[in-house]
């Protein structure tokens, strides 16, 4: 668990952020300067 995050924040770092990182970087290869549209942007995954 990252030392900079409390327990609740750390719990929330795992699935949603891993999904986001793999989706944006591994699958879509998002580059600086591109435009990203996120549906349900205020939700946990978004």
ModelCIF file with pLDDT and N, C-alpha, C, O atoms, coordinates in Angstrom:
data_MODEL
#
_entry.id   MODEL 
#
_entity.id                         1 
_entity.type                       polymer 
_entity.pdbx_number_of_molecules   1 
#
_entity_poly.entity_id                      1 
_entity_poly.type                           'polypeptide(L)' 
_entity_poly.nstd_linkage                   no 
_entity_poly.nstd_monomer                   no 
_entity_poly.pdbx_seq_one_letter_code       
;(UNK)(UNK)(UNK)(UNK)(UNK)(UNK)(UNK)(UNK)(UNK)(UNK)(UNK)(UNK)(UNK)(UNK)(UNK)(UNK)
(UNK)(UNK)(UNK)(UNK)(UNK)(UNK)(UNK)(UNK)(UNK)(UNK)(UNK)(UNK)(UNK)(UNK)(UNK)(UNK)
(UNK)(UNK)(UNK)(UNK)(UNK)(UNK)(UNK)(UNK)(UNK)(UNK)(UNK)(UNK)(UNK)(UNK)
;
_entity_poly.pdbx_seq_one_letter_code_can   XXXXXXXXXXXXXXXXXXXXXXXXXXXXXXXXXXXXXXXXXXXXXX 
_entity_poly.pdbx_strand_id                 A 
#
loop_
_entity_poly_seq.entity_id 
_entity_poly_seq.num 
_entity_poly_seq.mon_id 
_entity_poly_seq.hetero 
1 1  UNK n 
1 2  UNK n 
1 3  UNK n 
1 4  UNK n 
1 5  UNK n 
1 6  UNK n 
1 7  UNK n 
1 8  UNK n 
1 9  UNK n 
1 10 UNK n 
1 11 UNK n 
1 12 UNK n 
1 13 UNK n 
1 14 UNK n 
1 15 UNK n 
1 16 UNK n 
1 17 UNK n 
1 18 UNK n 
1 19 UNK n 
1 20 UNK n 
1 21 UNK n 
1 22 UNK n 
1 23 UNK n 
1 24 UNK n 
1 25 UNK n 
1 26 UNK n 
1 27 UNK n 
1 28 UNK n 
1 29 UNK n 
1 30 UNK n 
1 31 UNK n 
1 32 UNK n 
1 33 UNK n 
1 34 UNK n 
1 35 UNK n 
1 36 UNK n 
1 37 UNK n 
1 38 UNK n 
1 39 UNK n 
1 40 UNK n 
1 41 UNK n 
1 42 UNK n 
1 43 UNK n 
1 44 UNK n 
1 45 UNK n 
1 46 UNK n 
#
_struct_asym.id          A 
_struct_asym.entity_id   1 
#
loop_
_ma_qa_metric.id 
_ma_qa_metric.mode 
_ma_qa_metric.name 
_ma_qa_metric.software_group_id 
_ma_qa_metric.type 
1 global pLDDT . pLDDT 
2 local  pLDDT . pLDDT 
#
_ma_qa_metric_global.metric_id      1 
_ma_qa_metric_global.metric_value   96.54 
_ma_qa_metric_global.model_id       1 
_ma_qa_metric_global.ordinal_id     1 
#
loop_
_ma_qa_metric_local.label_asym_id 
_ma_qa_metric_local.label_comp_id 
_ma_qa_metric_local.label_seq_id 
_ma_qa_metric_local.metric_id 
_ma_qa_metric_local.metric_value 
_ma_qa_metric_local.model_id 
_ma_qa_metric_local.ordinal_id 
A UNK 1  2 97.00 1 1  
A UNK 2  2 97.00 1 2  
A UNK 3  2 95.00 1 3  
A UNK 4  2 96.00 1 4  
A UNK 5  2 97.00 1 5  
A UNK 6  2 97.00 1 6  
A UNK 7  2 97.00 1 7  
A UNK 8  2 97.00 1 8  
A UNK 9  2 97.00 1 9  
A UNK 10 2 97.00 1 10 
A UNK 11 2 97.00 1 11 
A UNK 12 2 95.00 1 12 
A UNK 13 2 95.00 1 13 
A UNK 14 2 94.00 1 14 
A UNK 15 2 93.00 1 15 
A UNK 16 2 93.00 1 16 
A UNK 17 2 97.00 1 17 
A UNK 18 2 97.00 1 18 
A UNK 19 2 96.00 1 19 
A UNK 20 2 97.00 1 20 
A UNK 21 2 98.00 1 21 
A UNK 22 2 98.00 1 22 
A UNK 23 2 98.00 1 23 
A UNK 24 2 98.00 1 24 
A UNK 25 2 98.00 1 25 
A UNK 26 2 97.00 1 26 
A UNK 27 2 97.00 1 27 
A UNK 28 2 98.00 1 28 
A UNK 29 2 98.00 1 29 
A UNK 30 2 98.00 1 30 
A UNK 31 2 98.00 1 31 
A UNK 32 2 98.00 1 32 
A UNK 33 2 98.00 1 33 
A UNK 34 2 98.00 1 34 
A UNK 35 2 98.00 1 35 
A UNK 36 2 98.00 1 36 
A UNK 37 2 98.00 1 37 
A UNK 38 2 98.00 1 38 
A UNK 39 2 98.00 1 39 
A UNK 40 2 96.00 1 40 
A UNK 41 2 97.00 1 41 
A UNK 42 2 95.00 1 42 
A UNK 43 2 92.00 1 43 
A UNK 44 2 91.00 1 44 
A UNK 45 2 93.00 1 45 
A UNK 46 2 96.00 1 46 
#
loop_
_atom_site.group_PDB 
_atom_site.id 
_atom_site.type_symbol 
_atom_site.label_atom_id 
_atom_site.label_alt_id 
_atom_site.label_comp_id 
_atom_site.label_asym_id 
_atom_site.label_entity_id 
_atom_site.label_seq_id 
_atom_site.pdbx_PDB_ins_code 
_atom_site.Cartn_x 
_atom_site.Cartn_y 
_atom_site.Cartn_z 
_atom_site.occupancy 
_atom_site.B_iso_or_equiv 
_atom_site.pdbx_formal_charge 
_atom_site.auth_seq_id 
_atom_site.auth_comp_id 
_atom_site.auth_asym_id 
_atom_site.auth_atom_id 
_atom_site.pdbx_PDB_model_num 
ATOM 1   N N  . UNK A 1 1  ? 0.852   -1.188 0.000   1.00 97.00 ? 1  UNK A N  1 
ATOM 2   C CA . UNK A 1 1  ? 0.000   0.000  0.000   1.00 97.00 ? 1  UNK A CA 1 
ATOM 3   C C  . UNK A 1 1  ? 0.891   1.243  0.000   1.00 97.00 ? 1  UNK A C  1 
ATOM 4   O O  . UNK A 1 1  ? 1.821   1.325  0.803   1.00 97.00 ? 1  UNK A O  1 
ATOM 5   N N  . UNK A 1 2  ? 0.629   2.211  -0.882  1.00 97.00 ? 2  UNK A N  1 
ATOM 6   C CA . UNK A 1 2  ? 1.435   3.435  -0.918  1.00 97.00 ? 2  UNK A CA 1 
ATOM 7   C C  . UNK A 1 2  ? 1.407   4.177  0.420   1.00 97.00 ? 2  UNK A C  1 
ATOM 8   O O  . UNK A 1 2  ? 0.340   4.370  1.003   1.00 97.00 ? 2  UNK A O  1 
ATOM 9   N N  . UNK A 1 3  ? 2.567   4.587  0.899   1.00 95.00 ? 3  UNK A N  1 
ATOM 10  C CA . UNK A 1 3  ? 2.653   5.263  2.190   1.00 95.00 ? 3  UNK A CA 1 
ATOM 11  C C  . UNK A 1 3  ? 1.971   6.622  2.175   1.00 95.00 ? 3  UNK A C  1 
ATOM 12  O O  . UNK A 1 3  ? 1.560   7.119  3.223   1.00 95.00 ? 3  UNK A O  1 
ATOM 13  N N  . UNK A 1 4  ? 1.846   7.230  0.995   1.00 96.00 ? 4  UNK A N  1 
ATOM 14  C CA . UNK A 1 4  ? 1.270   8.572  0.907   1.00 96.00 ? 4  UNK A CA 1 
ATOM 15  C C  . UNK A 1 4  ? -0.255  8.574  0.954   1.00 96.00 ? 4  UNK A C  1 
ATOM 16  O O  . UNK A 1 4  ? -0.871  9.638  1.007   1.00 96.00 ? 4  UNK A O  1 
ATOM 17  N N  . UNK A 1 5  ? -0.868  7.389  0.933   1.00 97.00 ? 5  UNK A N  1 
ATOM 18  C CA . UNK A 1 5  ? -2.328  7.292  0.934   1.00 97.00 ? 5  UNK A CA 1 
ATOM 19  C C  . UNK A 1 5  ? -2.815  6.615  2.210   1.00 97.00 ? 5  UNK A C  1 
ATOM 20  O O  . UNK A 1 5  ? -2.172  5.692  2.710   1.00 97.00 ? 5  UNK A O  1 
ATOM 21  N N  . UNK A 1 6  ? -3.955  7.073  2.740   1.00 97.00 ? 6  UNK A N  1 
ATOM 22  C CA . UNK A 1 6  ? -4.533  6.383  3.893   1.00 97.00 ? 6  UNK A CA 1 
ATOM 23  C C  . UNK A 1 6  ? -5.213  5.102  3.410   1.00 97.00 ? 6  UNK A C  1 
ATOM 24  O O  . UNK A 1 6  ? -5.216  4.808  2.215   1.00 97.00 ? 6  UNK A O  1 
ATOM 25  N N  . UNK A 1 7  ? -5.784  4.347  4.339   1.00 97.00 ? 7  UNK A N  1 
ATOM 26  C CA . UNK A 1 7  ? -6.326  3.032  3.993   1.00 97.00 ? 7  UNK A CA 1 
ATOM 27  C C  . UNK A 1 7  ? -7.425  3.107  2.935   1.00 97.00 ? 7  UNK A C  1 
ATOM 28  O O  . UNK A 1 7  ? -7.435  2.320  1.989   1.00 97.00 ? 7  UNK A O  1 
ATOM 29  N N  . UNK A 1 8  ? -8.351  4.055  3.096   1.00 97.00 ? 8  UNK A N  1 
ATOM 30  C CA . UNK A 1 8  ? -9.459  4.164  2.151   1.00 97.00 ? 8  UNK A CA 1 
ATOM 31  C C  . UNK A 1 8  ? -8.961  4.568  0.771   1.00 97.00 ? 8  UNK A C  1 
ATOM 32  O O  . UNK A 1 8  ? -9.405  4.013  -0.234  1.00 97.00 ? 8  UNK A O  1 
ATOM 33  N N  . UNK A 1 9  ? -8.050  5.522  0.714   1.00 97.00 ? 9  UNK A N  1 
ATOM 34  C CA . UNK A 1 9  ? -7.485  5.956  -0.563  1.00 97.00 ? 9  UNK A CA 1 
ATOM 35  C C  . UNK A 1 9  ? -6.694  4.832  -1.212  1.00 97.00 ? 9  UNK A C  1 
ATOM 36  O O  . UNK A 1 9  ? -6.772  4.623  -2.423  1.00 97.00 ? 9  UNK A O  1 
ATOM 37  N N  . UNK A 1 10 ? -5.928  4.105  -0.392  1.00 97.00 ? 10 UNK A N  1 
ATOM 38  C CA . UNK A 1 10 ? -5.129  3.000  -0.928  1.00 97.00 ? 10 UNK A CA 1 
ATOM 39  C C  . UNK A 1 10 ? -6.022  1.908  -1.507  1.00 97.00 ? 10 UNK A C  1 
ATOM 40  O O  . UNK A 1 10 ? -5.730  1.363  -2.571  1.00 97.00 ? 10 UNK A O  1 
ATOM 41  N N  . UNK A 1 11 ? -7.119  1.586  -0.801  1.00 97.00 ? 11 UNK A N  1 
ATOM 42  C CA . UNK A 1 11 ? -8.045  0.569  -1.303  1.00 97.00 ? 11 UNK A CA 1 
ATOM 43  C C  . UNK A 1 11 ? -8.608  0.972  -2.652  1.00 97.00 ? 11 UNK A C  1 
ATOM 44  O O  . UNK A 1 11 ? -8.844  0.125  -3.513  1.00 97.00 ? 11 UNK A O  1 
ATOM 45  N N  . UNK A 1 12 ? -8.823  2.272  -2.836  1.00 95.00 ? 12 UNK A N  1 
ATOM 46  C CA . UNK A 1 12 ? -9.411  2.770  -4.079  1.00 95.00 ? 12 UNK A CA 1 
ATOM 47  C C  . UNK A 1 12 ? -8.396  2.953  -5.194  1.00 95.00 ? 12 UNK A C  1 
ATOM 48  O O  . UNK A 1 12 ? -8.768  3.280  -6.321  1.00 95.00 ? 12 UNK A O  1 
ATOM 49  N N  . UNK A 1 13 ? -7.118  2.745  -4.897  1.00 95.00 ? 13 UNK A N  1 
ATOM 50  C CA . UNK A 1 13 ? -6.086  2.930  -5.926  1.00 95.00 ? 13 UNK A CA 1 
ATOM 51  C C  . UNK A 1 13 ? -5.960  1.723  -6.844  1.00 95.00 ? 13 UNK A C  1 
ATOM 52  O O  . UNK A 1 13 ? -5.428  1.837  -7.948  1.00 95.00 ? 13 UNK A O  1 
ATOM 53  N N  . UNK A 1 14 ? -6.435  0.589  -6.404  1.00 94.00 ? 14 UNK A N  1 
ATOM 54  C CA . UNK A 1 14 ? -6.081  -0.657 -7.070  1.00 94.00 ? 14 UNK A CA 1 
ATOM 55  C C  . UNK A 1 14 ? -6.827  -0.907 -8.383  1.00 94.00 ? 14 UNK A C  1 
ATOM 56  O O  . UNK A 1 14 ? -6.281  -0.626 -9.450  1.00 94.00 ? 14 UNK A O  1 
ATOM 57  N N  . UNK A 1 15 ? -8.052  -1.423 -8.337  1.00 93.00 ? 15 UNK A N  1 
ATOM 58  C CA . UNK A 1 15 ? -8.737  -1.876 -9.541  1.00 93.00 ? 15 UNK A CA 1 
ATOM 59  C C  . UNK A 1 15 ? -9.012  -0.738 -10.524 1.00 93.00 ? 15 UNK A C  1 
ATOM 60  O O  . UNK A 1 15 ? -8.688  -0.847 -11.707 1.00 93.00 ? 15 UNK A O  1 
ATOM 61  N N  . UNK A 1 16 ? -9.610  0.357  -10.038 1.00 93.00 ? 16 UNK A N  1 
ATOM 62  C CA . UNK A 1 16 ? -9.967  1.460  -10.931 1.00 93.00 ? 16 UNK A CA 1 
ATOM 63  C C  . UNK A 1 16 ? -8.773  2.114  -11.596 1.00 93.00 ? 16 UNK A C  1 
ATOM 64  O O  . UNK A 1 16 ? -8.813  2.418  -12.788 1.00 93.00 ? 16 UNK A O  1 
ATOM 65  N N  . UNK A 1 17 ? -7.716  2.333  -10.838 1.00 97.00 ? 17 UNK A N  1 
ATOM 66  C CA . UNK A 1 17 ? -6.533  2.988  -11.409 1.00 97.00 ? 17 UNK A CA 1 
ATOM 67  C C  . UNK A 1 17 ? -5.719  2.031  -12.267 1.00 97.00 ? 17 UNK A C  1 
ATOM 68  O O  . UNK A 1 17 ? -5.150  2.434  -13.282 1.00 97.00 ? 17 UNK A O  1 
ATOM 69  N N  . UNK A 1 18 ? -5.660  0.761  -11.864 1.00 97.00 ? 18 UNK A N  1 
ATOM 70  C CA . UNK A 1 18 ? -5.001  -0.219 -12.732 1.00 97.00 ? 18 UNK A CA 1 
ATOM 71  C C  . UNK A 1 18 ? -5.744  -0.312 -14.060 1.00 97.00 ? 18 UNK A C  1 
ATOM 72  O O  . UNK A 1 18 ? -5.125  -0.350 -15.123 1.00 97.00 ? 18 UNK A O  1 
ATOM 73  N N  . UNK A 1 19 ? -7.072  -0.350 -13.992 1.00 96.00 ? 19 UNK A N  1 
ATOM 74  C CA . UNK A 1 19 ? -7.880  -0.403 -15.213 1.00 96.00 ? 19 UNK A CA 1 
ATOM 75  C C  . UNK A 1 19 ? -7.622  0.823  -16.074 1.00 96.00 ? 19 UNK A C  1 
ATOM 76  O O  . UNK A 1 19 ? -7.454  0.710  -17.289 1.00 96.00 ? 19 UNK A O  1 
ATOM 77  N N  . UNK A 1 20 ? -7.590  1.993  -15.449 1.00 97.00 ? 20 UNK A N  1 
ATOM 78  C CA . UNK A 1 20 ? -7.330  3.220  -16.185 1.00 97.00 ? 20 UNK A CA 1 
ATOM 79  C C  . UNK A 1 20 ? -5.949  3.236  -16.821 1.00 97.00 ? 20 UNK A C  1 
ATOM 80  O O  . UNK A 1 20 ? -5.801  3.629  -17.979 1.00 97.00 ? 20 UNK A O  1 
ATOM 81  N N  . UNK A 1 21 ? -4.941  2.811  -16.071 1.00 98.00 ? 21 UNK A N  1 
ATOM 82  C CA . UNK A 1 21 ? -3.566  2.819  -16.586 1.00 98.00 ? 21 UNK A CA 1 
ATOM 83  C C  . UNK A 1 21 ? -3.440  1.855  -17.767 1.00 98.00 ? 21 UNK A C  1 
ATOM 84  O O  . UNK A 1 21 ? -2.873  2.214  -18.800 1.00 98.00 ? 21 UNK A O  1 
ATOM 85  N N  . UNK A 1 22 ? -3.962  0.642  -17.623 1.00 98.00 ? 22 UNK A N  1 
ATOM 86  C CA . UNK A 1 22 ? -3.878  -0.323 -18.717 1.00 98.00 ? 22 UNK A CA 1 
ATOM 87  C C  . UNK A 1 22 ? -4.685  0.158  -19.916 1.00 98.00 ? 22 UNK A C  1 
ATOM 88  O O  . UNK A 1 22 ? -4.244  0.029  -21.058 1.00 98.00 ? 22 UNK A O  1 
ATOM 89  N N  . UNK A 1 23 ? -5.866  0.712  -19.658 1.00 98.00 ? 23 UNK A N  1 
ATOM 90  C CA . UNK A 1 23 ? -6.708  1.174  -20.756 1.00 98.00 ? 23 UNK A CA 1 
ATOM 91  C C  . UNK A 1 23 ? -6.089  2.317  -21.530 1.00 98.00 ? 23 UNK A C  1 
ATOM 92  O O  . UNK A 1 23 ? -6.087  2.317  -22.761 1.00 98.00 ? 23 UNK A O  1 
ATOM 93  N N  . UNK A 1 24 ? -5.564  3.291  -20.808 1.00 98.00 ? 24 UNK A N  1 
ATOM 94  C CA . UNK A 1 24 ? -5.034  4.488  -21.468 1.00 98.00 ? 24 UNK A CA 1 
ATOM 95  C C  . UNK A 1 24 ? -3.632  4.291  -22.010 1.00 98.00 ? 24 UNK A C  1 
ATOM 96  O O  . UNK A 1 24 ? -3.313  4.777  -23.095 1.00 98.00 ? 24 UNK A O  1 
ATOM 97  N N  . UNK A 1 25 ? -2.793  3.586  -21.274 1.00 98.00 ? 25 UNK A N  1 
ATOM 98  C CA . UNK A 1 25 ? -1.387  3.473  -21.675 1.00 98.00 ? 25 UNK A CA 1 
ATOM 99  C C  . UNK A 1 25 ? -1.062  2.169  -22.416 1.00 98.00 ? 25 UNK A C  1 
ATOM 100 O O  . UNK A 1 25 ? -0.365  2.194  -23.430 1.00 98.00 ? 25 UNK A O  1 
ATOM 101 N N  . UNK A 1 26 ? -1.549  1.059  -21.928 1.00 97.00 ? 26 UNK A N  1 
ATOM 102 C CA . UNK A 1 26 ? -1.224  -0.223 -22.559 1.00 97.00 ? 26 UNK A CA 1 
ATOM 103 C C  . UNK A 1 26 ? -2.061  -0.466 -23.816 1.00 97.00 ? 26 UNK A C  1 
ATOM 104 O O  . UNK A 1 26 ? -1.542  -0.935 -24.830 1.00 97.00 ? 26 UNK A O  1 
ATOM 105 N N  . UNK A 1 27 ? -3.348  -0.148 -23.748 1.00 97.00 ? 27 UNK A N  1 
ATOM 106 C CA . UNK A 1 27 ? -4.226  -0.438 -24.871 1.00 97.00 ? 27 UNK A CA 1 
ATOM 107 C C  . UNK A 1 27 ? -4.332  0.727  -25.853 1.00 97.00 ? 27 UNK A C  1 
ATOM 108 O O  . UNK A 1 27 ? -4.138  0.541  -27.055 1.00 97.00 ? 27 UNK A O  1 
ATOM 109 N N  . UNK A 1 28 ? -4.638  1.925  -25.355 1.00 98.00 ? 28 UNK A N  1 
ATOM 110 C CA . UNK A 1 28 ? -4.880  3.052  -26.264 1.00 98.00 ? 28 UNK A CA 1 
ATOM 111 C C  . UNK A 1 28 ? -3.617  3.842  -26.600 1.00 98.00 ? 28 UNK A C  1 
ATOM 112 O O  . UNK A 1 28 ? -3.612  4.627  -27.549 1.00 98.00 ? 28 UNK A O  1 
ATOM 113 N N  . UNK A 1 29 ? -2.544  3.641  -25.827 1.00 98.00 ? 29 UNK A N  1 
ATOM 114 C CA . UNK A 1 29 ? -1.288  4.361  -26.076 1.00 98.00 ? 29 UNK A CA 1 
ATOM 115 C C  . UNK A 1 29 ? -1.521  5.876  -26.118 1.00 98.00 ? 29 UNK A C  1 
ATOM 116 O O  . UNK A 1 29 ? -1.080  6.556  -27.044 1.00 98.00 ? 29 UNK A O  1 
ATOM 117 N N  . UNK A 1 30 ? -2.205  6.381  -25.124 1.00 98.00 ? 30 UNK A N  1 
ATOM 118 C CA . UNK A 1 30 ? -2.487  7.812  -25.025 1.00 98.00 ? 30 UNK A CA 1 
ATOM 119 C C  . UNK A 1 30 ? -1.191  8.617  -25.001 1.00 98.00 ? 30 UNK A C  1 
ATOM 120 O O  . UNK A 1 30 ? -0.250  8.275  -24.284 1.00 98.00 ? 30 UNK A O  1 
ATOM 121 N N  . UNK A 1 31 ? -1.152  9.685  -25.788 1.00 98.00 ? 31 UNK A N  1 
ATOM 122 C CA . UNK A 1 31 ? 0.027   10.531 -25.862 1.00 98.00 ? 31 UNK A CA 1 
ATOM 123 C C  . UNK A 1 31 ? -0.278  11.930 -25.351 1.00 98.00 ? 31 UNK A C  1 
ATOM 124 O O  . UNK A 1 31 ? -1.415  12.396 -25.422 1.00 98.00 ? 31 UNK A O  1 
ATOM 125 N N  . UNK A 1 32 ? 0.753   12.596 -24.833 1.00 98.00 ? 32 UNK A N  1 
ATOM 126 C CA . UNK A 1 32 ? 0.605   13.975 -24.379 1.00 98.00 ? 32 UNK A CA 1 
ATOM 127 C C  . UNK A 1 32 ? 0.123   14.838 -25.540 1.00 98.00 ? 32 UNK A C  1 
ATOM 128 O O  . UNK A 1 32 ? 0.597   14.695 -26.667 1.00 98.00 ? 32 UNK A O  1 
ATOM 129 N N  . UNK A 1 33 ? -0.815  15.728 -25.260 1.00 98.00 ? 33 UNK A N  1 
ATOM 130 C CA . UNK A 1 33 ? -1.358  16.602 -26.288 1.00 98.00 ? 33 UNK A CA 1 
ATOM 131 C C  . UNK A 1 33 ? -2.597  16.065 -26.961 1.00 98.00 ? 33 UNK A C  1 
ATOM 132 O O  . UNK A 1 33 ? -3.283  16.808 -27.664 1.00 98.00 ? 33 UNK A O  1 
ATOM 133 N N  . UNK A 1 34 ? -2.910  14.783 -26.766 1.00 98.00 ? 34 UNK A N  1 
ATOM 134 C CA . UNK A 1 34 ? -4.131  14.224 -27.346 1.00 98.00 ? 34 UNK A CA 1 
ATOM 135 C C  . UNK A 1 34 ? -5.343  14.602 -26.495 1.00 98.00 ? 34 UNK A C  1 
ATOM 136 O O  . UNK A 1 34 ? -5.213  15.038 -25.351 1.00 98.00 ? 34 UNK A O  1 
ATOM 137 N N  . UNK A 1 35 ? -6.522  14.420 -27.088 1.00 98.00 ? 35 UNK A N  1 
ATOM 138 C CA . UNK A 1 35 ? -7.766  14.689 -26.375 1.00 98.00 ? 35 UNK A CA 1 
ATOM 139 C C  . UNK A 1 35 ? -8.362  13.369 -25.911 1.00 98.00 ? 35 UNK A C  1 
ATOM 140 O O  . UNK A 1 35 ? -8.551  12.442 -26.699 1.00 98.00 ? 35 UNK A O  1 
ATOM 141 N N  . UNK A 1 36 ? -8.657  13.302 -24.609 1.00 98.00 ? 36 UNK A N  1 
ATOM 142 C CA . UNK A 1 36 ? -9.259  12.127 -23.994 1.00 98.00 ? 36 UNK A CA 1 
ATOM 143 C C  . UNK A 1 36 ? -10.674 12.475 -23.545 1.00 98.00 ? 36 UNK A C  1 
ATOM 144 O O  . UNK A 1 36 ? -10.883 13.470 -22.850 1.00 98.00 ? 36 UNK A O  1 
ATOM 145 N N  . UNK A 1 37 ? -11.636 11.661 -23.938 1.00 98.00 ? 37 UNK A N  1 
ATOM 146 C CA . UNK A 1 37 ? -13.010 11.811 -23.468 1.00 98.00 ? 37 UNK A CA 1 
ATOM 147 C C  . UNK A 1 37 ? -13.308 10.676 -22.501 1.00 98.00 ? 37 UNK A C  1 
ATOM 148 O O  . UNK A 1 37 ? -13.084 9.506  -22.812 1.00 98.00 ? 37 UNK A O  1 
ATOM 149 N N  . UNK A 1 38 ? -13.814 11.034 -21.327 1.00 98.00 ? 38 UNK A N  1 
ATOM 150 C CA . UNK A 1 38 ? -14.127 10.033 -20.301 1.00 98.00 ? 38 UNK A CA 1 
ATOM 151 C C  . UNK A 1 38 ? -15.619 10.082 -19.987 1.00 98.00 ? 38 UNK A C  1 
ATOM 152 O O  . UNK A 1 38 ? -16.131 11.107 -19.537 1.00 98.00 ? 38 UNK A O  1 
ATOM 153 N N  . UNK A 1 39 ? -16.308 8.979  -20.224 1.00 98.00 ? 39 UNK A N  1 
ATOM 154 C CA . UNK A 1 39 ? -17.708 8.877  -19.839 1.00 98.00 ? 39 UNK A CA 1 
ATOM 155 C C  . UNK A 1 39 ? -17.790 8.567  -18.339 1.00 98.00 ? 39 UNK A C  1 
ATOM 156 O O  . UNK A 1 39 ? -16.906 7.915  -17.783 1.00 98.00 ? 39 UNK A O  1 
ATOM 157 N N  . UNK A 1 40 ? -18.860 9.042  -17.695 1.00 96.00 ? 40 UNK A N  1 
ATOM 158 C CA . UNK A 1 40 ? -19.045 8.863  -16.247 1.00 96.00 ? 40 UNK A CA 1 
ATOM 159 C C  . UNK A 1 40 ? -17.815 9.362  -15.497 1.00 96.00 ? 40 UNK A C  1 
ATOM 160 O O  . UNK A 1 40 ? -17.265 8.671  -14.640 1.00 96.00 ? 40 UNK A O  1 
ATOM 161 N N  . UNK A 1 41 ? -17.402 10.568 -15.837 1.00 97.00 ? 41 UNK A N  1 
ATOM 162 C CA . UNK A 1 41 ? -16.127 11.105 -15.352 1.00 97.00 ? 41 UNK A CA 1 
ATOM 163 C C  . UNK A 1 41 ? -16.098 11.350 -13.850 1.00 97.00 ? 41 UNK A C  1 
ATOM 164 O O  . UNK A 1 41 ? -15.015 11.445 -13.272 1.00 97.00 ? 41 UNK A O  1 
ATOM 165 N N  . UNK A 1 42 ? -17.256 11.454 -13.201 1.00 95.00 ? 42 UNK A N  1 
ATOM 166 C CA . UNK A 1 42 ? -17.282 11.703 -11.762 1.00 95.00 ? 42 UNK A CA 1 
ATOM 167 C C  . UNK A 1 42 ? -17.387 10.421 -10.949 1.00 95.00 ? 42 UNK A C  1 
ATOM 168 O O  . UNK A 1 42 ? -17.361 10.462 -9.719  1.00 95.00 ? 42 UNK A O  1 
ATOM 169 N N  . UNK A 1 43 ? -17.505 9.278  -11.629 1.00 92.00 ? 43 UNK A N  1 
ATOM 170 C CA . UNK A 1 43 ? -17.620 8.003  -10.930 1.00 92.00 ? 43 UNK A CA 1 
ATOM 171 C C  . UNK A 1 43 ? -16.267 7.458  -10.504 1.00 92.00 ? 43 UNK A C  1 
ATOM 172 O O  . UNK A 1 43 ? -15.232 8.083  -10.737 1.00 92.00 ? 43 UNK A O  1 
ATOM 173 N N  . UNK A 1 44 ? -16.283 6.288  -9.880  1.00 91.00 ? 44 UNK A N  1 
ATOM 174 C CA . UNK A 1 44 ? -15.039 5.702  -9.397  1.00 91.00 ? 44 UNK A CA 1 
ATOM 175 C C  . UNK A 1 44 ? -14.062 5.374  -10.504 1.00 91.00 ? 44 UNK A C  1 
ATOM 176 O O  . UNK A 1 44 ? -12.888 5.734  -10.420 1.00 91.00 ? 44 UNK A O  1 
ATOM 177 N N  . UNK A 1 45 ? -14.527 4.694  -11.542 1.00 93.00 ? 45 UNK A N  1 
ATOM 178 C CA . UNK A 1 45 ? -13.662 4.330  -12.667 1.00 93.00 ? 45 UNK A CA 1 
ATOM 179 C C  . UNK A 1 45 ? -13.310 5.566  -13.490 1.00 93.00 ? 45 UNK A C  1 
ATOM 180 O O  . UNK A 1 45 ? -12.154 5.756  -13.868 1.00 93.00 ? 45 UNK A O  1 
ATOM 181 N N  . UNK A 1 46 ? -14.307 6.405  -13.768 1.00 96.00 ? 46 UNK A N  1 
ATOM 182 C CA . UNK A 1 46 ? -14.071 7.591  -14.579 1.00 96.00 ? 46 UNK A CA 1 
ATOM 183 C C  . UNK A 1 46 ? -13.144 8.589  -13.930 1.00 96.00 ? 46 UNK A C  1 
ATOM 184 O O  . UNK A 1 46 ? -12.862 9.637  -14.511 1.00 96.00 ? 46 UNK A O  1 
#
